Amino acid sequence: MTTNNPNNPFLIHIIDDNETEREAASWYLRVAEYETRTYENAGDFLKTFNPNSLGIILLDIQMPIINGVELLEILEAENNLMPVIMLSGTGTLQNSIKVMKTGAIDFLEKPFEGQEL
């Protein structure tokens, strides 16, 4: 799903295999007047990925085939300019440290509140 807001040039990419979580994050952000695009998996995101794009990536850690940490590593190798915020329903200190070292700028535990996001 994509929403368009001409007053906000940034696109927030939400990559999460859980439809409920993905759509909730998109809804919270659309209410705050951000433009969003959702992806069910990393492969769908990579089909349209442009490392020079403006925006932000919200990325779930636990996904099939290419997990969030693997995608984060791919993005770093492609010189991605968009900040990445990792999302996880199984947040641990070890996961937080690993994703921050891999290049994420923040780590949010699911479920999250709209204000948190």
PDB file of N, CA and C in Angstrom:
ATOM      1  N   MET A   1       0.842  -1.165   0.000  1.00  0.00           N
ATOM      2  CA  MET A   1       0.000   0.000   0.000  1.00  0.00           C
ATOM      3  C   MET A   1       0.890   1.231   0.000  1.00  0.00           C
ATOM      4  N   THR A   2       0.482   2.250  -0.757  1.00  0.00           N
ATOM      5  CA  THR A   2       1.198   3.505  -0.808  1.00  0.00           C
ATOM      6  C   THR A   2       0.214   4.634  -0.598  1.00  0.00           C
ATOM      7  N   THR A   3       0.639   5.629   0.128  1.00  0.00           N
ATOM      8  CA  THR A   3      -0.165   6.826   0.268  1.00  0.00           C
ATOM      9  C   THR A   3       0.647   7.983  -0.268  1.00  0.00           C
ATOM     10  N   ASN A   4      -0.012   8.993  -0.758  1.00  0.00           N
ATOM     11  CA  ASN A   4       0.690  10.137  -1.328  1.00  0.00           C
ATOM     12  C   ASN A   4       0.349  11.406  -0.576  1.00  0.00           C
ATOM     13  N   ASN A   5       1.364  12.140  -0.184  1.00  0.00           N
ATOM     14  CA  ASN A   5       1.195  13.425   0.473  1.00  0.00           C
ATOM     15  C   ASN A   5       2.214  14.370  -0.156  1.00  0.00           C
ATOM     16  N   PRO A   6       1.767  15.305  -0.995  1.00  0.00           N
ATOM     17  CA  PRO A   6       2.705  16.182  -1.676  1.00  0.00           C
ATOM     18  C   PRO A   6       3.492  17.089  -0.737  1.00  0.00           C
ATOM     19  N   ASN A   7       3.040  17.260   0.505  1.00  0.00           N
ATOM     20  CA  ASN A   7       3.744  18.104   1.459  1.00  0.00           C
ATOM     21  C   ASN A   7       4.884  17.379   2.173  1.00  0.00           C
ATOM     22  N   ASN A   8       5.013  16.075   1.967  1.00  0.00           N
ATOM     23  CA  ASN A   8       6.042  15.296   2.642  1.00  0.00           C
ATOM     24  C   ASN A   8       6.806  14.461   1.614  1.00  0.00           C
ATOM     25  N   PRO A   9       8.042  14.876   1.264  1.00  0.00           N
ATOM     26  CA  PRO A   9       8.777  14.190   0.198  1.00  0.00           C
ATOM     27  C   PRO A   9       9.407  12.863   0.615  1.00  0.00           C
ATOM     28  N   PHE A  10       9.369  12.530   1.887  1.00  0.00           N
ATOM     29  CA  PHE A  10      10.014  11.308   2.356  1.00  0.00           C
ATOM     30  C   PHE A  10       9.055  10.128   2.310  1.00  0.00           C
ATOM     31  N   LEU A  11       9.555   9.007   1.871  1.00  0.00           N
ATOM     32  CA  LEU A  11       8.775   7.780   1.816  1.00  0.00           C
ATOM     33  C   LEU A  11       9.269   6.867   2.927  1.00  0.00           C
ATOM     34  N   ILE A  12       8.350   6.329   3.701  1.00  0.00           N
ATOM     35  CA  ILE A  12       8.725   5.386   4.747  1.00  0.00           C
ATOM     36  C   ILE A  12       8.391   3.995   4.248  1.00  0.00           C
ATOM     37  N   HIS A  13       9.419   3.176   4.090  1.00  0.00           N
ATOM     38  CA  HIS A  13       9.287   1.801   3.615  1.00  0.00           C
ATOM     39  C   HIS A  13       9.112   0.902   4.832  1.00  0.00           C
ATOM     40  N   ILE A  14       8.032   0.126   4.853  1.00  0.00           N
ATOM     41  CA  ILE A  14       7.758  -0.772   5.978  1.00  0.00           C
ATOM     42  C   ILE A  14       7.858  -2.202   5.465  1.00  0.00           C
ATOM     43  N   ILE A  15       8.844  -2.937   5.968  1.00  0.00           N
ATOM     44  CA  ILE A  15       9.090  -4.307   5.510  1.00  0.00           C
ATOM     45  C   ILE A  15       8.854  -5.242   6.686  1.00  0.00           C
ATOM     46  N   ASP A  16       7.766  -6.009   6.598  1.00  0.00           N
ATOM     47  CA  ASP A  16       7.381  -6.900   7.694  1.00  0.00           C
ATOM     48  C   ASP A  16       6.500  -7.997   7.124  1.00  0.00           C
ATOM     49  N   ASP A  17       6.812  -9.244   7.423  1.00  0.00           N
ATOM     50  CA  ASP A  17       6.017 -10.363   6.890  1.00  0.00           C
ATOM     51  C   ASP A  17       4.681 -10.519   7.616  1.00  0.00           C
ATOM     52  N   ASN A  18       4.506  -9.857   8.751  1.00  0.00           N
ATOM     53  CA  ASN A  18       3.252  -9.927   9.498  1.00  0.00           C
ATOM     54  C   ASN A  18       2.330  -8.803   9.012  1.00  0.00           C
ATOM     55  N   GLU A  19       1.256  -9.187   8.313  1.00  0.00           N
ATOM     56  CA  GLU A  19       0.367  -8.193   7.706  1.00  0.00           C
ATOM     57  C   GLU A  19      -0.230  -7.244   8.736  1.00  0.00           C
ATOM     58  N   THR A  20      -0.640  -7.763   9.878  1.00  0.00           N
ATOM     59  CA  THR A  20      -1.243  -6.921  10.912  1.00  0.00           C
ATOM     60  C   THR A  20      -0.265  -5.868  11.399  1.00  0.00           C
ATOM     61  N   GLU A  21       0.961  -6.266  11.693  1.00  0.00           N
ATOM     62  CA  GLU A  21       1.992  -5.328  12.163  1.00  0.00           C
ATOM     63  C   GLU A  21       2.340  -4.308  11.077  1.00  0.00           C
ATOM     64  N   ARG A  22       2.469  -4.792   9.857  1.00  0.00           N
ATOM     65  CA  ARG A  22       2.821  -3.939   8.719  1.00  0.00           C
ATOM     66  C   ARG A  22       1.750  -2.862   8.502  1.00  0.00           C
ATOM     67  N   GLU A  23       0.498  -3.284   8.481  1.00  0.00           N
ATOM     68  CA  GLU A  23      -0.593  -2.341   8.231  1.00  0.00           C
ATOM     69  C   GLU A  23      -0.806  -1.391   9.413  1.00  0.00           C
ATOM     70  N   ALA A  24      -0.571  -1.868  10.634  1.00  0.00           N
ATOM     71  CA  ALA A  24      -0.682  -0.989  11.811  1.00  0.00           C
ATOM     72  C   ALA A  24       0.370   0.117  11.749  1.00  0.00           C
ATOM     73  N   ALA A  25       1.599  -0.242  11.432  1.00  0.00           N
ATOM     74  CA  ALA A  25       2.658   0.758  11.326  1.00  0.00           C
ATOM     75  C   ALA A  25       2.329   1.763  10.225  1.00  0.00           C
ATOM     76  N   SER A  26       1.856   1.263   9.099  1.00  0.00           N
ATOM     77  CA  SER A  26       1.487   2.146   7.996  1.00  0.00           C
ATOM     78  C   SER A  26       0.364   3.090   8.411  1.00  0.00           C
ATOM     79  N   TRP A  27      -0.631   2.564   9.103  1.00  0.00           N
ATOM     80  CA  TRP A  27      -1.762   3.386   9.538  1.00  0.00           C
ATOM     81  C   TRP A  27      -1.317   4.503  10.474  1.00  0.00           C
ATOM     82  N   TYR A  28      -0.508   4.149  11.488  1.00  0.00           N
ATOM     83  CA  TYR A  28      -0.013   5.155  12.430  1.00  0.00           C
ATOM     84  C   TYR A  28       0.716   6.278  11.691  1.00  0.00           C
ATOM     85  N   LEU A  29       1.539   5.900  10.731  1.00  0.00           N
ATOM     86  CA  LEU A  29       2.336   6.890  10.008  1.00  0.00           C
ATOM     87  C   LEU A  29       1.488   7.723   9.051  1.00  0.00           C
ATOM     88  N   ARG A  30       0.507   7.100   8.415  1.00  0.00           N
ATOM     89  CA  ARG A  30      -0.392   7.853   7.519  1.00  0.00           C
ATOM     90  C   ARG A  30      -1.206   8.869   8.312  1.00  0.00           C
ATOM     91  N   VAL A  31      -1.653   8.488   9.507  1.00  0.00           N
ATOM     92  CA  VAL A  31      -2.386   9.427  10.362  1.00  0.00           C
ATOM     93  C   VAL A  31      -1.505  10.641  10.676  1.00  0.00           C
ATOM     94  N   ALA A  32      -0.213  10.428  10.820  1.00  0.00           N
ATOM     95  CA  ALA A  32       0.736  11.509  11.073  1.00  0.00           C
ATOM     96  C   ALA A  32       1.167  12.196   9.768  1.00  0.00           C
ATOM     97  N   GLU A  33       0.512  11.849   8.665  1.00  0.00           N
ATOM     98  CA  GLU A  33       0.707  12.451   7.346  1.00  0.00           C
ATOM     99  C   GLU A  33       2.049  12.134   6.700  1.00  0.00           C
ATOM    100  N   TYR A  34       2.533  10.934   6.938  1.00  0.00           N
ATOM    101  CA  TYR A  34       3.713  10.452   6.234  1.00  0.00           C
ATOM    102  C   TYR A  34       3.272   9.570   5.079  1.00  0.00           C
ATOM    103  N   GLU A  35       4.081   9.543   4.037  1.00  0.00           N
ATOM    104  CA  GLU A  35       3.817   8.660   2.906  1.00  0.00           C
ATOM    105  C   GLU A  35       4.477   7.317   3.215  1.00  0.00           C
ATOM    106  N   THR A  36       3.741   6.237   3.016  1.00  0.00           N
ATOM    107  CA  THR A  36       4.277   4.904   3.307  1.00  0.00           C
ATOM    108  C   THR A  36       4.156   3.981   2.104  1.00  0.00           C
ATOM    109  N   ARG A  37       5.026   3.003   2.076  1.00  0.00           N
ATOM    110  CA  ARG A  37       4.920   1.894   1.132  1.00  0.00           C
ATOM    111  C   ARG A  37       5.237   0.636   1.929  1.00  0.00           C
ATOM    112  N   THR A  38       4.394  -0.380   1.793  1.00  0.00           N
ATOM    113  CA  THR A  38       4.587  -1.608   2.576  1.00  0.00           C
ATOM    114  C   THR A  38       5.051  -2.751   1.688  1.00  0.00           C
ATOM    115  N   TYR A  39       5.810  -3.657   2.302  1.00  0.00           N
ATOM    116  CA  TYR A  39       6.372  -4.827   1.618  1.00  0.00           C
ATOM    117  C   TYR A  39       6.217  -6.038   2.527  1.00  0.00           C
ATOM    118  N   GLU A  40       5.812  -7.143   1.951  1.00  0.00           N
ATOM    119  CA  GLU A  40       5.617  -8.381   2.707  1.00  0.00           C
ATOM    120  C   GLU A  40       6.934  -9.082   3.010  1.00  0.00           C
ATOM    121  N   ASN A  41       7.951  -8.817   2.194  1.00  0.00           N
ATOM    122  CA  ASN A  41       9.237  -9.489   2.401  1.00  0.00           C
ATOM    123  C   ASN A  41      10.365  -8.659   1.802  1.00  0.00           C
ATOM    124  N   ALA A  42      11.579  -9.059   2.115  1.00  0.00           N
ATOM    125  CA  ALA A  42      12.764  -8.337   1.657  1.00  0.00           C
ATOM    126  C   ALA A  42      12.887  -8.360   0.137  1.00  0.00           C
ATOM    127  N   GLY A  43      12.536  -9.471  -0.484  1.00  0.00           N
ATOM    128  CA  GLY A  43      12.624  -9.579  -1.942  1.00  0.00           C
ATOM    129  C   GLY A  43      11.758  -8.553  -2.645  1.00  0.00           C
ATOM    130  N   ASP A  44      10.536  -8.354  -2.150  1.00  0.00           N
ATOM    131  CA  ASP A  44       9.650  -7.354  -2.740  1.00  0.00           C
ATOM    132  C   ASP A  44      10.256  -5.953  -2.626  1.00  0.00           C
ATOM    133  N   PHE A  45      10.857  -5.667  -1.478  1.00  0.00           N
ATOM    134  CA  PHE A  45      11.495  -4.363  -1.288  1.00  0.00           C
ATOM    135  C   PHE A  45      12.679  -4.198  -2.243  1.00  0.00           C
ATOM    136  N   LEU A  46      13.507  -5.216  -2.370  1.00  0.00           N
ATOM    137  CA  LEU A  46      14.708  -5.113  -3.202  1.00  0.00           C
ATOM    138  C   LEU A  46      14.385  -4.889  -4.679  1.00  0.00           C
ATOM    139  N   LYS A  47      13.203  -5.314  -5.119  1.00  0.00           N
ATOM    140  CA  LYS A  47      12.804  -5.105  -6.519  1.00  0.00           C
ATOM    141  C   LYS A  47      12.717  -3.624  -6.869  1.00  0.00           C
ATOM    142  N   THR A  48      12.390  -2.780  -5.891  1.00  0.00           N
ATOM    143  CA  THR A  48      12.228  -1.350  -6.151  1.00  0.00           C
ATOM    144  C   THR A  48      13.270  -0.501  -5.430  1.00  0.00           C
ATOM    145  N   PHE A  49      14.191  -1.119  -4.739  1.00  0.00           N
ATOM    146  CA  PHE A  49      15.181  -0.412  -3.922  1.00  0.00           C
ATOM    147  C   PHE A  49      16.093   0.480  -4.766  1.00  0.00           C
ATOM    148  N   ASN A  50      16.225   1.721  -4.323  1.00  0.00           N
ATOM    149  CA  ASN A  50      17.175   2.661  -4.900  1.00  0.00           C
ATOM    150  C   ASN A  50      18.001   3.205  -3.739  1.00  0.00           C
ATOM    151  N   PRO A  51      19.305   2.899  -3.691  1.00  0.00           N
ATOM    152  CA  PRO A  51      20.106   3.298  -2.528  1.00  0.00           C
ATOM    153  C   PRO A  51      20.228   4.808  -2.352  1.00  0.00           C
ATOM    154  N   ASN A  52      19.880   5.582  -3.378  1.00  0.00           N
ATOM    155  CA  ASN A  52      19.985   7.038  -3.292  1.00  0.00           C
ATOM    156  C   ASN A  52      18.666   7.709  -2.924  1.00  0.00           C
ATOM    157  N   SER A  53      17.644   6.922  -2.644  1.00  0.00           N
ATOM    158  CA  SER A  53      16.334   7.477  -2.316  1.00  0.00           C
ATOM    159  C   SER A  53      16.354   8.192  -0.971  1.00  0.00           C
ATOM    160  N   LEU A  54      15.436   9.160  -0.844  1.00  0.00           N
ATOM    161  CA  LEU A  54      15.197   9.785   0.448  1.00  0.00           C
ATOM    162  C   LEU A  54      14.134   8.970   1.165  1.00  0.00           C
ATOM    163  N   GLY A  55      14.193   8.927   2.455  1.00  0.00           N
ATOM    164  CA  GLY A  55      13.188   8.200   3.213  1.00  0.00           C
ATOM    165  C   GLY A  55      13.785   7.457   4.376  1.00  0.00           C
ATOM    166  N   ILE A  56      12.985   6.566   4.908  1.00  0.00           N
ATOM    167  CA  ILE A  56      13.367   5.763   6.072  1.00  0.00           C
ATOM    168  C   ILE A  56      12.870   4.339   5.832  1.00  0.00           C
ATOM    169  N   ILE A  57      13.584   3.375   6.366  1.00  0.00           N
ATOM    170  CA  ILE A  57      13.181   1.975   6.268  1.00  0.00           C
ATOM    171  C   ILE A  57      12.870   1.452   7.665  1.00  0.00           C
ATOM    172  N   LEU A  58      11.658   0.909   7.836  1.00  0.00           N
ATOM    173  CA  LEU A  58      11.292   0.192   9.063  1.00  0.00           C
ATOM    174  C   LEU A  58      11.374  -1.281   8.706  1.00  0.00           C
ATOM    175  N   LEU A  59      12.217  -2.013   9.379  1.00  0.00           N
ATOM    176  CA  LEU A  59      12.551  -3.372   8.965  1.00  0.00           C
ATOM    177  C   LEU A  59      12.400  -4.377  10.100  1.00  0.00           C
ATOM    178  N   ASP A  60      11.555  -5.368   9.878  1.00  0.00           N
ATOM    179  CA  ASP A  60      11.371  -6.444  10.850  1.00  0.00           C
ATOM    180  C   ASP A  60      12.584  -7.369  10.821  1.00  0.00           C
ATOM    181  N   ILE A  61      12.997  -7.848  11.969  1.00  0.00           N
ATOM    182  CA  ILE A  61      14.146  -8.762  12.038  1.00  0.00           C
ATOM    183  C   ILE A  61      13.760 -10.173  11.598  1.00  0.00           C
ATOM    184  N   GLN A  62      12.646 -10.689  12.114  1.00  0.00           N
ATOM    185  CA  GLN A  62      12.258 -12.087  11.873  1.00  0.00           C
ATOM    186  C   GLN A  62      11.392 -12.201  10.618  1.00  0.00           C
ATOM    187  N   MET A  63      12.010 -12.555   9.494  1.00  0.00           N
ATOM    188  CA  MET A  63      11.283 -12.771   8.240  1.00  0.00           C
ATOM    189  C   MET A  63      11.858 -14.003   7.558  1.00  0.00           C
ATOM    190  N   PRO A  64      11.022 -14.710   6.794  1.00  0.00           N
ATOM    191  CA  PRO A  64      11.527 -15.879   6.069  1.00  0.00           C
ATOM    192  C   PRO A  64      12.409 -15.471   4.888  1.00  0.00           C
ATOM    193  N   ILE A  65      13.197 -16.397   4.412  1.00  0.00           N
ATOM    194  CA  ILE A  65      14.098 -16.294   3.257  1.00  0.00           C
ATOM    195  C   ILE A  65      15.237 -15.309   3.534  1.00  0.00           C
ATOM    196  N   ILE A  66      14.977 -14.005   3.474  1.00  0.00           N
ATOM    197  CA  ILE A  66      15.988 -12.999   3.822  1.00  0.00           C
ATOM    198  C   ILE A  66      15.491 -12.302   5.084  1.00  0.00           C
ATOM    199  N   ASN A  67      16.184 -12.514   6.202  1.00  0.00           N
ATOM    200  CA  ASN A  67      15.727 -11.884   7.440  1.00  0.00           C
ATOM    201  C   ASN A  67      16.197 -10.430   7.491  1.00  0.00           C
ATOM    202  N   GLY A  68      15.747  -9.712   8.494  1.00  0.00           N
ATOM    203  CA  GLY A  68      16.053  -8.299   8.592  1.00  0.00           C
ATOM    204  C   GLY A  68      17.531  -7.978   8.704  1.00  0.00           C
ATOM    205  N   VAL A  69      18.268  -8.768   9.459  1.00  0.00           N
ATOM    206  CA  VAL A  69      19.708  -8.529   9.602  1.00  0.00           C
ATOM    207  C   VAL A  69      20.405  -8.767   8.267  1.00  0.00           C
ATOM    208  N   GLU A  70      20.012  -9.816   7.550  1.00  0.00           N
ATOM    209  CA  GLU A  70      20.610 -10.076   6.233  1.00  0.00           C
ATOM    210  C   GLU A  70      20.297  -8.938   5.257  1.00  0.00           C
ATOM    211  N   LEU A  71      19.055  -8.449   5.286  1.00  0.00           N
ATOM    212  CA  LEU A  71      18.705  -7.334   4.408  1.00  0.00           C
ATOM    213  C   LEU A  71      19.488  -6.092   4.796  1.00  0.00           C
ATOM    214  N   LEU A  72      19.638  -5.838   6.066  1.00  0.00           N
ATOM    215  CA  LEU A  72      20.426  -4.691   6.521  1.00  0.00           C
ATOM    216  C   LEU A  72      21.856  -4.781   5.993  1.00  0.00           C
ATOM    217  N   GLU A  73      22.434  -5.972   6.002  1.00  0.00           N
ATOM    218  CA  GLU A  73      23.788  -6.168   5.467  1.00  0.00           C
ATOM    219  C   GLU A  73      23.828  -5.905   3.964  1.00  0.00           C
ATOM    220  N   ILE A  74      22.803  -6.343   3.238  1.00  0.00           N
ATOM    221  CA  ILE A  74      22.707  -6.072   1.791  1.00  0.00           C
ATOM    222  C   ILE A  74      22.624  -4.565   1.548  1.00  0.00           C
ATOM    223  N   LEU A  75      21.798  -3.887   2.323  1.00  0.00           N
ATOM    224  CA  LEU A  75      21.633  -2.442   2.158  1.00  0.00           C
ATOM    225  C   LEU A  75      22.944  -1.705   2.422  1.00  0.00           C
ATOM    226  N   GLU A  76      23.662  -2.120   3.436  1.00  0.00           N
ATOM    227  CA  GLU A  76      24.948  -1.493   3.746  1.00  0.00           C
ATOM    228  C   GLU A  76      25.940  -1.714   2.601  1.00  0.00           C
ATOM    229  N   ALA A  77      25.957  -2.909   2.018  1.00  0.00           N
ATOM    230  CA  ALA A  77      26.855  -3.211   0.895  1.00  0.00           C
ATOM    231  C   ALA A  77      26.493  -2.391  -0.346  1.00  0.00           C
ATOM    232  N   GLU A  78      25.229  -2.026  -0.479  1.00  0.00           N
ATOM    233  CA  GLU A  78      24.752  -1.224  -1.615  1.00  0.00           C
ATOM    234  C   GLU A  78      24.864   0.278  -1.346  1.00  0.00           C
ATOM    235  N   ASN A  79      25.499   0.643  -0.240  1.00  0.00           N
ATOM    236  CA  ASN A  79      25.662   2.047   0.148  1.00  0.00           C
ATOM    237  C   ASN A  79      24.337   2.778   0.285  1.00  0.00           C
ATOM    238  N   ASN A  80      23.406   2.125   0.931  1.00  0.00           N
ATOM    239  CA  ASN A  80      22.090   2.693   1.195  1.00  0.00           C
ATOM    240  C   ASN A  80      22.217   3.986   1.990  1.00  0.00           C
ATOM    241  N   LEU A  81      21.490   5.026   1.565  1.00  0.00           N
ATOM    242  CA  LEU A  81      21.502   6.308   2.269  1.00  0.00           C
ATOM    243  C   LEU A  81      20.353   6.474   3.252  1.00  0.00           C
ATOM    244  N   MET A  82      19.337   5.598   3.159  1.00  0.00           N
ATOM    245  CA  MET A  82      18.174   5.735   4.037  1.00  0.00           C
ATOM    246  C   MET A  82      18.457   5.149   5.416  1.00  0.00           C
ATOM    247  N   PRO A  83      18.099   5.872   6.478  1.00  0.00           N
ATOM    248  CA  PRO A  83      18.245   5.300   7.814  1.00  0.00           C
ATOM    249  C   PRO A  83      17.321   4.088   7.973  1.00  0.00           C
ATOM    250  N   VAL A  84      17.773   3.119   8.763  1.00  0.00           N
ATOM    251  CA  VAL A  84      17.000   1.898   9.007  1.00  0.00           C
ATOM    252  C   VAL A  84      16.689   1.796  10.490  1.00  0.00           C
ATOM    253  N   ILE A  85      15.405   1.574  10.783  1.00  0.00           N
ATOM    254  CA  ILE A  85      14.958   1.315  12.151  1.00  0.00           C
ATOM    255  C   ILE A  85      14.471  -0.124  12.182  1.00  0.00           C
ATOM    256  N   MET A  86      15.066  -0.930  13.035  1.00  0.00           N
ATOM    257  CA  MET A  86      14.712  -2.337  13.131  1.00  0.00           C
ATOM    258  C   MET A  86      13.527  -2.523  14.072  1.00  0.00           C
ATOM    259  N   LEU A  87      12.656  -3.466  13.719  1.00  0.00           N
ATOM    260  CA  LEU A  87      11.485  -3.819  14.519  1.00  0.00           C
ATOM    261  C   LEU A  87      11.595  -5.287  14.901  1.00  0.00           C
ATOM    262  N   SER A  88      11.234  -5.619  16.133  1.00  0.00           N
ATOM    263  CA  SER A  88      11.276  -7.017  16.536  1.00  0.00           C
ATOM    264  C   SER A  88      10.289  -7.298  17.656  1.00  0.00           C
ATOM    265  N   GLY A  89       9.621  -8.430  17.534  1.00  0.00           N
ATOM    266  CA  GLY A  89       8.735  -8.899  18.588  1.00  0.00           C
ATOM    267  C   GLY A  89       9.494  -9.684  19.640  1.00  0.00           C
ATOM    268  N   THR A  90      10.739  -9.992  19.361  1.00  0.00           N
ATOM    269  CA  THR A  90      11.572 -10.745  20.299  1.00  0.00           C
ATOM    270  C   THR A  90      12.835  -9.946  20.600  1.00  0.00           C
ATOM    271  N   GLY A  91      12.641  -8.704  21.036  1.00  0.00           N
ATOM    272  CA  GLY A  91      13.767  -7.824  21.289  1.00  0.00           C
ATOM    273  C   GLY A  91      14.637  -8.314  22.428  1.00  0.00           C
ATOM    274  N   THR A  92      15.908  -8.442  22.134  1.00  0.00           N
ATOM    275  CA  THR A  92      16.884  -8.785  23.158  1.00  0.00           C
ATOM    276  C   THR A  92      18.029  -7.790  23.061  1.00  0.00           C
ATOM    277  N   LEU A  93      18.780  -7.667  24.117  1.00  0.00           N
ATOM    278  CA  LEU A  93      19.940  -6.782  24.101  1.00  0.00           C
ATOM    279  C   LEU A  93      20.909  -7.217  23.001  1.00  0.00           C
ATOM    280  N   GLN A  94      21.087  -8.521  22.841  1.00  0.00           N
ATOM    281  CA  GLN A  94      21.995  -9.041  21.825  1.00  0.00           C
ATOM    282  C   GLN A  94      21.535  -8.618  20.422  1.00  0.00           C
ATOM    283  N   ASN A  95      20.224  -8.739  20.135  1.00  0.00           N
ATOM    284  CA  ASN A  95      19.705  -8.310  18.831  1.00  0.00           C
ATOM    285  C   ASN A  95      19.922  -6.815  18.629  1.00  0.00           C
ATOM    286  N   SER A  96      19.637  -6.039  19.655  1.00  0.00           N
ATOM    287  CA  SER A  96      19.793  -4.585  19.562  1.00  0.00           C
ATOM    288  C   SER A  96      21.223  -4.212  19.211  1.00  0.00           C
ATOM    289  N   ILE A  97      22.163  -4.802  19.906  1.00  0.00           N
ATOM    290  CA  ILE A  97      23.578  -4.506  19.666  1.00  0.00           C
ATOM    291  C   ILE A  97      23.979  -4.920  18.261  1.00  0.00           C
ATOM    292  N   LYS A  98      23.552  -6.103  17.830  1.00  0.00           N
ATOM    293  CA  LYS A  98      23.927  -6.600  16.502  1.00  0.00           C
ATOM    294  C   LYS A  98      23.413  -5.685  15.402  1.00  0.00           C
ATOM    295  N   VAL A  99      22.144  -5.292  15.463  1.00  0.00           N
ATOM    296  CA  VAL A  99      21.596  -4.460  14.385  1.00  0.00           C
ATOM    297  C   VAL A  99      22.182  -3.058  14.404  1.00  0.00           C
ATOM    298  N   MET A 100      22.495  -2.536  15.563  1.00  0.00           N
ATOM    299  CA  MET A 100      23.109  -1.210  15.630  1.00  0.00           C
ATOM    300  C   MET A 100      24.524  -1.262  15.038  1.00  0.00           C
ATOM    301  N   LYS A 101      25.256  -2.334  15.293  1.00  0.00           N
ATOM    302  CA  LYS A 101      26.593  -2.484  14.716  1.00  0.00           C
ATOM    303  C   LYS A 101      26.529  -2.689  13.207  1.00  0.00           C
ATOM    304  N   THR A 102      25.427  -3.257  12.728  1.00  0.00           N
ATOM    305  CA  THR A 102      25.272  -3.516  11.298  1.00  0.00           C
ATOM    306  C   THR A 102      24.805  -2.261  10.561  1.00  0.00           C
ATOM    307  N   GLY A 103      24.349  -1.245  11.269  1.00  0.00           N
ATOM    308  CA  GLY A 103      24.007   0.001  10.612  1.00  0.00           C
ATOM    309  C   GLY A 103      22.638   0.574  10.909  1.00  0.00           C
ATOM    310  N   ALA A 104      21.829  -0.100  11.700  1.00  0.00           N
ATOM    311  CA  ALA A 104      20.517   0.454  12.049  1.00  0.00           C
ATOM    312  C   ALA A 104      20.712   1.661  12.967  1.00  0.00           C
ATOM    313  N   ILE A 105      19.777   2.615  12.874  1.00  0.00           N
ATOM    314  CA  ILE A 105      19.894   3.796  13.737  1.00  0.00           C
ATOM    315  C   ILE A 105      19.078   3.662  15.017  1.00  0.00           C
ATOM    316  N   ASP A 106      18.136   2.698  15.022  1.00  0.00           N
ATOM    317  CA  ASP A 106      17.317   2.506  16.213  1.00  0.00           C
ATOM    318  C   ASP A 106      16.699   1.120  16.177  1.00  0.00           C
ATOM    319  N   PHE A 107      16.116   0.723  17.301  1.00  0.00           N
ATOM    320  CA  PHE A 107      15.529  -0.603  17.465  1.00  0.00           C
ATOM    321  C   PHE A 107      14.252  -0.443  18.274  1.00  0.00           C
ATOM    322  N   LEU A 108      13.111  -0.853  17.709  1.00  0.00           N
ATOM    323  CA  LEU A 108      11.834  -0.793  18.416  1.00  0.00           C
ATOM    324  C   LEU A 108      11.289  -2.191  18.637  1.00  0.00           C
ATOM    325  N   GLU A 109      10.775  -2.423  19.829  1.00  0.00           N
ATOM    326  CA  GLU A 109      10.125  -3.700  20.118  1.00  0.00           C
ATOM    327  C   GLU A 109       8.662  -3.652  19.709  1.00  0.00           C
ATOM    328  N   LYS A 110       8.167  -4.756  19.144  1.00  0.00           N
ATOM    329  CA  LYS A 110       6.745  -4.886  18.806  1.00  0.00           C
ATOM    330  C   LYS A 110       6.064  -5.643  19.928  1.00  0.00           C
ATOM    331  N   PRO A 111       4.838  -5.382  20.223  1.00  0.00           N
ATOM    332  CA  PRO A 111       4.035  -4.318  19.599  1.00  0.00           C
ATOM    333  C   PRO A 111       4.462  -2.962  20.131  1.00  0.00           C
ATOM    334  N   PHE A 112       4.303  -1.953  19.310  1.00  0.00           N
ATOM    335  CA  PHE A 112       4.681  -0.604  19.689  1.00  0.00           C
ATOM    336  C   PHE A 112       3.448   0.294  19.704  1.00  0.00           C
ATOM    337  N   GLU A 113       3.571   1.391  20.378  1.00  0.00           N
ATOM    338  CA  GLU A 113       2.505   2.397  20.409  1.00  0.00           C
ATOM    339  C   GLU A 113       2.745   3.360  19.264  1.00  0.00           C
ATOM    340  N   GLY A 114       1.690   3.961  18.786  1.00  0.00           N
ATOM    341  CA  GLY A 114       1.815   4.915  17.688  1.00  0.00           C
ATOM    342  C   GLY A 114       2.765   6.043  17.980  1.00  0.00           C
ATOM    343  N   GLN A 115       2.737   6.567  19.208  1.00  0.00           N
ATOM    344  CA  GLN A 115       3.629   7.655  19.580  1.00  0.00           C
ATOM    345  C   GLN A 115       5.093   7.215  19.560  1.00  0.00           C
ATOM    346  N   GLU A 116       5.335   5.978  19.932  1.00  0.00           N
ATOM    347  CA  GLU A 116       6.690   5.425  19.888  1.00  0.00           C
ATOM    348  C   GLU A 116       7.230   5.458  18.468  1.00  0.00           C
ATOM    349  N   LEU A 117       6.379   5.032  17.547  1.00  0.00           N
ATOM    350  CA  LEU A 117       6.770   4.963  16.148  1.00  0.00           C
ATOM    351  C   LEU A 117       7.020   6.359  15.606  1.00  0.00           C
TER     352      LEU A 117
END
